[in-house]
C-alpha atoms as a PDB file:
ATOM      1  CA  MET A   1     119.725 105.941 108.426  1.00  0.00           C
ATOM      2  CA  PRO A   2     118.213 109.235 109.350  1.00  0.00           C
ATOM      3  CA  LEU A   3     115.594 110.661 106.820  1.00  0.00           C
ATOM      4  CA  ARG A   4     114.986 114.211 105.934  1.00  0.00           C
ATOM      5  CA  LEU A   5     111.920 114.205 108.320  1.00  0.00           C
ATOM      6  CA  PRO A   6     111.685 115.249 112.022  1.00  0.00           C
ATOM      7  CA  ASP A   7     112.112 112.809 114.844  1.00  0.00           C
ATOM      8  CA  PHE A   8     109.906 112.664 117.774  1.00  0.00           C
ATOM      9  CA  PRO A   9     108.697 110.132 120.299  1.00  0.00           C
ATOM     10  CA  LEU A  10     105.362 108.517 119.759  1.00  0.00           C
ATOM     11  CA  VAL A  11     103.225 109.685 122.762  1.00  0.00           C
ATOM     12  CA  SER A  12      99.908 110.499 121.199  1.00  0.00           C
ATOM     13  CA  ALA A  13      96.765 108.417 122.081  1.00  0.00           C
ATOM     14  CA  GLY A  14      95.689 108.523 118.220  1.00  0.00           C
ATOM     15  CA  PRO A  15      95.152 105.195 116.432  1.00  0.00           C
ATOM     16  CA  ALA A  16      98.331 105.674 114.281  1.00  0.00           C
ATOM     17  CA  ALA A  17     100.484 106.203 117.325  1.00  0.00           C
ATOM     18  CA  GLU A  18      98.816 103.432 119.235  1.00  0.00           C
ATOM     19  CA  GLY A  19      99.345 100.993 116.302  1.00  0.00           C
ATOM     20  CA  CYS A  20     102.920 101.872 115.751  1.00  0.00           C
ATOM     21  CA  ARG A  21     103.782 101.475 119.422  1.00  0.00           C
ATOM     22  CA  ALA A  22     102.015  98.115 119.423  1.00  0.00           C
ATOM     23  CA  ARG A  23     104.360  97.162 116.888  1.00  0.00           C
ATOM     24  CA  GLY A  24     107.352  98.195 118.910  1.00  0.00           C
ATOM     25  CA  PHE A  25     108.188 101.732 117.406  1.00  0.00           C
ATOM     26  CA  GLY A  26     109.201 104.404 119.738  1.00  0.00           C
ATOM     27  CA  SER A  27     109.781 107.275 117.345  1.00  0.00           C
ATOM     28  CA  TYR A  28     108.626 108.857 114.002  1.00  0.00           C
ATOM     29  CA  GLN A  29     111.818 108.129 112.312  1.00  0.00           C
ATOM     30  CA  GLN A  30     111.701 104.400 113.223  1.00  0.00           C
ATOM     31  CA  VAL A  31     108.148 104.312 111.680  1.00  0.00           C
ATOM     32  CA  ALA A  32     109.550 106.309 108.629  1.00  0.00           C
ATOM     33  CA  ILE A  33     112.261 103.941 108.027  1.00  0.00           C
ATOM     34  CA  TRP A  34     110.121 100.830 108.411  1.00  0.00           C
ATOM     35  CA  ALA A  35     107.611 102.231 105.835  1.00  0.00           C
ATOM     36  CA  LEU A  36     110.473 102.844 103.393  1.00  0.00           C
ATOM     37  CA  GLN A  37     111.575  99.384 103.696  1.00  0.00           C
ATOM     38  CA  LEU A  38     108.200  97.751 103.402  1.00  0.00           C
ATOM     39  CA  PRO A  39     107.578  95.925 100.120  1.00  0.00           C
ATOM     40  CA  TYR A  40     105.498  97.683  97.517  1.00  0.00           C
ATOM     41  CA  GLY A  41     101.952  96.320  97.116  1.00  0.00           C
ATOM     42  CA  ARG A  42      98.424  96.958  97.623  1.00  0.00           C
ATOM     43  CA  GLY A  43      96.854  95.409 100.716  1.00  0.00           C
ATOM     44  CA  ALA A  44      93.398  94.003 101.232  1.00  0.00           C
ATOM     45  CA  ASP A  45      92.366  97.442 102.520  1.00  0.00           C
ATOM     46  CA  ARG A  46      93.457 100.716 101.201  1.00  0.00           C
ATOM     47  CA  GLU A  47      93.149 102.471 104.609  1.00  0.00           C
ATOM     48  CA  ASP A  48      96.408 103.919 105.803  1.00  0.00           C
ATOM     49  CA  LEU A  49      96.369 102.029 109.066  1.00  0.00           C
ATOM     50  CA  ALA A  50      96.063  98.651 107.315  1.00  0.00           C
ATOM     51  CA  ILE A  51      99.718  98.591 106.547  1.00  0.00           C
ATOM     52  CA  LEU A  52     100.532  98.084 110.200  1.00  0.00           C
ATOM     53  CA  GLY A  53      98.948  94.635 109.919  1.00  0.00           C
ATOM     54  CA  GLU A  54      99.682  93.759 106.254  1.00  0.00           C
ATOM     55  CA  SER A  55     103.423  94.718 106.248  1.00  0.00           C
ATOM     56  CA  ARG A  56     103.201  95.985 102.565  1.00  0.00           C
ATOM     57  CA  GLY A  57     102.128  99.386 101.298  1.00  0.00           C
ATOM     58  CA  THR A  58     101.746 101.651  98.438  1.00  0.00           C
ATOM     59  CA  CYS A  59     102.746 105.443  98.011  1.00  0.00           C
ATOM     60  CA  SER A  60      99.301 106.246  99.467  1.00  0.00           C
ATOM     61  CA  THR A  61      99.195 104.092 102.529  1.00  0.00           C
ATOM     62  CA  LYS A  62     102.794 104.547 103.529  1.00  0.00           C
ATOM     63  CA  HIS A  63     102.627 108.322 103.380  1.00  0.00           C
ATOM     64  CA  ALA A  64      99.135 108.656 104.670  1.00  0.00           C
ATOM     65  CA  LEU A  65     100.182 106.644 107.765  1.00  0.00           C
ATOM     66  CA  LEU A  66     103.102 109.013 108.429  1.00  0.00           C
ATOM     67  CA  ALA A  67     101.068 112.105 107.715  1.00  0.00           C
ATOM     68  CA  ARG A  68      98.380 110.907 110.179  1.00  0.00           C
ATOM     69  CA  LEU A  69     101.147 110.106 112.856  1.00  0.00           C
ATOM     70  CA  ALA A  70     102.562 113.525 112.461  1.00  0.00           C
ATOM     71  CA  ARG A  71      99.065 115.118 112.744  1.00  0.00           C
ATOM     72  CA  GLU A  72      98.491 113.108 115.902  1.00  0.00           C
ATOM     73  CA  HIS A  73     101.561 114.773 117.297  1.00  0.00           C
ATOM     74  CA  GLY A  74     100.787 118.305 116.159  1.00  0.00           C
ATOM     75  CA  VAL A  75     103.589 118.268 113.466  1.00  0.00           C
ATOM     76  CA  ASP A  76     102.777 119.744 110.209  1.00  0.00           C
ATOM     77  CA  ILE A  77     104.011 117.474 107.529  1.00  0.00           C
ATOM     78  CA  GLU A  78     101.890 117.669 104.339  1.00  0.00           C
ATOM     79  CA  LEU A  79     100.523 114.625 102.501  1.00  0.00           C
ATOM     80  CA  VAL A  80     100.579 115.572  98.708  1.00  0.00           C
ATOM     81  CA  LEU A  81      98.665 113.949  95.881  1.00  0.00           C
ATOM     82  CA  GLY A  82     100.453 114.573  92.772  1.00  0.00           C
ATOM     83  CA  ILE A  83      99.806 113.528  89.031  1.00  0.00           C
ATOM     84  CA  TYR A  84     102.721 112.899  86.960  1.00  0.00           C
ATOM     85  CA  LEU A  85     103.307 111.227  83.489  1.00  0.00           C
ATOM     86  CA  MET A  86     104.281 107.518  84.385  1.00  0.00           C
ATOM     87  CA  GLY A  87     106.530 106.017  81.927  1.00  0.00           C
ATOM     88  CA  GLY A  88     109.554 103.671  81.758  1.00  0.00           C
ATOM     89  CA  HIS A  89     112.011 106.517  82.034  1.00  0.00           C
ATOM     90  CA  ASN A  90     110.793 107.580  85.447  1.00  0.00           C
ATOM     91  CA  THR A  91     108.921 104.576  86.918  1.00  0.00           C
ATOM     92  CA  GLU A  92     110.974 101.232  86.817  1.00  0.00           C
ATOM     93  CA  GLY A  93     108.948  98.191  85.809  1.00  0.00           C
ATOM     94  CA  VAL A  94     106.223  99.884  83.596  1.00  0.00           C
ATOM     95  CA  GLY A  95     107.981 100.583  80.401  1.00  0.00           C
ATOM     96  CA  ALA A  96     107.238  97.064  78.865  1.00  0.00           C
ATOM     97  CA  VAL A  97     103.554  97.201  79.895  1.00  0.00           C
ATOM     98  CA  LEU A  98     103.024 100.659  78.421  1.00  0.00           C
ATOM     99  CA  ALA A  99     104.853  99.493  75.254  1.00  0.00           C
ATOM    100  CA  ALA A 100     102.747  96.425  74.854  1.00  0.00           C
ATOM    101  CA  HIS A 101      99.766  98.782  74.486  1.00  0.00           C
ATOM    102  CA  GLY A 102     101.477 101.299  72.139  1.00  0.00           C
ATOM    103  CA  LEU A 103     102.073 103.893  74.999  1.00  0.00           C
ATOM    104  CA  THR A 104     104.933 105.791  76.319  1.00  0.00           C
ATOM    105  CA  ALA A 105     103.443 107.246  79.378  1.00  0.00           C
ATOM    106  CA  ILE A 106     100.043 107.677  81.211  1.00  0.00           C
ATOM    107  CA  PRO A 107      98.944 110.043  84.003  1.00  0.00           C
ATOM    108  CA  GLU A 108      99.551 108.268  87.489  1.00  0.00           C
ATOM    109  CA  ALA A 109      98.559 109.573  90.964  1.00  0.00           C
ATOM    110  CA  HIS A 110     101.266 109.563  93.342  1.00  0.00           C
ATOM    111  CA  CYS A 111     101.408 110.477  97.188  1.00  0.00           C
ATOM    112  CA  VAL A 112     104.442 111.749  98.918  1.00  0.00           C
ATOM    113  CA  LEU A 113     105.257 113.907 102.101  1.00  0.00           C
ATOM    114  CA  ARG A 114     106.297 117.540 101.961  1.00  0.00           C
ATOM    115  CA  TRP A 115     107.998 119.012 104.945  1.00  0.00           C
ATOM    116  CA  HIS A 116     109.690 122.444 104.947  1.00  0.00           C
ATOM    117  CA  GLY A 117     109.265 122.616 101.216  1.00  0.00           C
ATOM    118  CA  GLN A 118     110.973 119.434 100.457  1.00  0.00           C
ATOM    119  CA  PHE A 119     109.270 116.409  98.921  1.00  0.00           C
ATOM    120  CA  ILE A 120     110.013 113.073 100.732  1.00  0.00           C
ATOM    121  CA  ASP A 121     109.126 109.910  98.952  1.00  0.00           C
ATOM    122  CA  LEU A 122     109.412 106.674 100.927  1.00  0.00           C
ATOM    123  CA  THR A 123     107.565 104.499  98.472  1.00  0.00           C
ATOM    124  CA  ARG A 124     110.752 102.540  97.681  1.00  0.00           C
ATOM    125  CA  PRO A 125     114.387 103.071  98.424  1.00  0.00           C
ATOM    126  CA  GLY A 126     116.033 105.249  95.860  1.00  0.00           C
ATOM    127  CA  ALA A 127     112.731 106.910  94.687  1.00  0.00           C
ATOM    128  CA  ARG A 128     113.312 109.678  92.344  1.00  0.00           C
ATOM    129  CA  GLU A 129     112.145 113.386  92.840  1.00  0.00           C
ATOM    130  CA  PRO A 130     108.546 113.535  91.495  1.00  0.00           C
ATOM    131  CA  SER A 131     107.855 115.898  88.452  1.00  0.00           C
ATOM    132  CA  PHE A 132     104.072 116.668  89.144  1.00  0.00           C
ATOM    133  CA  ILE A 133     101.849 118.386  86.560  1.00  0.00           C
ATOM    134  CA  HIS A 134      99.248 118.592  89.208  1.00  0.00           C
ATOM    135  CA  GLU A 135      99.477 118.605  92.837  1.00  0.00           C
ATOM    136  CA  GLU A 136      97.183 119.278  96.035  1.00  0.00           C
ATOM    137  CA  ARG A 137      97.437 118.720  99.713  1.00  0.00           C
ATOM    138  CA  ILE A 138      95.231 116.007 100.965  1.00  0.00           C
ATOM    139  CA  ARG A 139      94.287 114.456 104.276  1.00  0.00           C
ATOM    140  CA  PRO A 140      95.255 110.749 105.164  1.00  0.00           C
ATOM    141  CA  GLU A 141      91.449 110.014 104.956  1.00  0.00           C
ATOM    142  CA  ASP A 142      91.394 111.075 101.339  1.00  0.00           C
ATOM    143  CA  ILE A 143      93.533 108.307  99.902  1.00  0.00           C
ATOM    144  CA  VAL A 144      90.589 105.903  99.672  1.00  0.00           C
ATOM    145  CA  THR A 145      88.204 107.813  97.408  1.00  0.00           C
ATOM    146  CA  HIS A 146      89.327 111.399  96.779  1.00  0.00           C
ATOM    147  CA  LYS A 147      92.582 110.326  95.316  1.00  0.00           C
ATOM    148  CA  VAL A 148      91.036 107.892  92.867  1.00  0.00           C
ATOM    149  CA  SER A 149      88.436 110.659  91.944  1.00  0.00           C
ATOM    150  CA  VAL A 150      90.973 113.219  91.211  1.00  0.00           C
ATOM    151  CA  HIS A 151      93.101 110.666  89.264  1.00  0.00           C
ATOM    152  CA  ARG A 152      90.349 109.467  87.083  1.00  0.00           C
ATOM    153  CA  ARG A 153      88.922 113.011  86.398  1.00  0.00           C
ATOM    154  CA  PHE A 154      92.544 114.054  85.451  1.00  0.00           C
ATOM    155  CA  MET A 155      93.108 110.964  83.378  1.00  0.00           C
ATOM    156  CA  ALA A 156      89.777 111.416  81.467  1.00  0.00           C
ATOM    157  CA  GLN A 157      90.772 115.073  80.633  1.00  0.00           C
ATOM    158  CA  TRP A 158      94.121 113.864  79.364  1.00  0.00           C
ATOM    159  CA  ILE A 159      92.702 111.073  77.206  1.00  0.00           C
ATOM    160  CA  ALA A 160      90.465 113.548  75.420  1.00  0.00           C
ATOM    161  CA  THR A 161      93.383 115.562  74.256  1.00  0.00           C
ATOM    162  CA  GLN A 162      96.204 112.989  74.212  1.00  0.00           C
ATOM    163  CA  LEU A 163      94.517 109.643  73.272  1.00  0.00           C
ATOM    164  CA  PRO A 164      91.443 110.197  71.029  1.00  0.00           C
ATOM    165  CA  GLY A 165      89.744 106.804  70.536  1.00  0.00           C
ATOM    166  CA  TRP A 166      90.714 105.505  73.966  1.00  0.00           C
ATOM    167  CA  THR A 167      88.431 105.126  76.756  1.00  0.00           C
ATOM    168  CA  LEU A 168      88.853 105.930  80.553  1.00  0.00           C
ATOM    169  CA  ASP A 169      88.333 102.202  81.314  1.00  0.00           C
ATOM    170  CA  SER A 170      90.980 101.088  78.725  1.00  0.00           C
ATOM    171  CA  VAL A 171      93.687 103.352  79.889  1.00  0.00           C
ATOM    172  CA  TRP A 172      92.629 102.516  83.485  1.00  0.00           C
ATOM    173  CA  GLY A 173      93.163  98.780  82.628  1.00  0.00           C
ATOM    174  CA  VAL A 174      96.830  99.570  81.210  1.00  0.00           C
ATOM    175  CA  ARG A 175      97.397 101.557  84.546  1.00  0.00           C
ATOM    176  CA  GLU A 176      96.355  98.366  86.586  1.00  0.00           C
ATOM    177  CA  ALA A 177      98.726  96.302  84.663  1.00  0.00           C
ATOM    178  CA  CYS A 178     101.348  98.767  85.527  1.00  0.00           C
ATOM    179  CA  ILE A 179     100.696  98.642  89.130  1.00  0.00           C
ATOM    180  CA  ALA A 180     100.782  94.904  89.106  1.00  0.00           C
ATOM    181  CA  ALA A 181     104.115  95.250  87.320  1.00  0.00           C
ATOM    182  CA  LEU A 182     105.397  97.607  90.029  1.00  0.00           C
ATOM    183  CA  ALA A 183     104.498  95.015  92.802  1.00  0.00           C
ATOM    184  CA  GLN A 184     106.616  92.345  91.053  1.00  0.00           C
ATOM    185  CA  SER A 185     109.640  94.557  90.547  1.00  0.00           C
END
């Protein structure tokens, strides 16, 4: 099952390549296919290399690992942080959670790869092309704190104009319930 990504042998001495080779992977495509097939779910550690030991991952950890692996091999594959309006129409499993709170959508941060101008989403098989209302290139190291900071800042601005009377903490709580629902679907 070839993906819309380059393939190259894992020869770097970097931590991502060493971790992937220790798991028996010999090429970038093998790692990408494995990441795509991993169950969705947060691990105990939000660091990208943690998925090698936890065998599950989120959009952030899956794509950050692949971006780090590409960087270690001198291949320019971008890690993109995007914000989109997450709703039942575009994110399977969250519609009922949002409806229970009287909402149809909330801003969600999502990471994908971009190579040769094309978005590649390996979060789940069959993932849809993202419709971002904000996007920026980030580094794999940025998924732990920068991603959350950008997301919370964007969400606070959105709440001020779209959900007067709501607080950032209350909407963030709905978001956490949505993420938990995604892990169950």
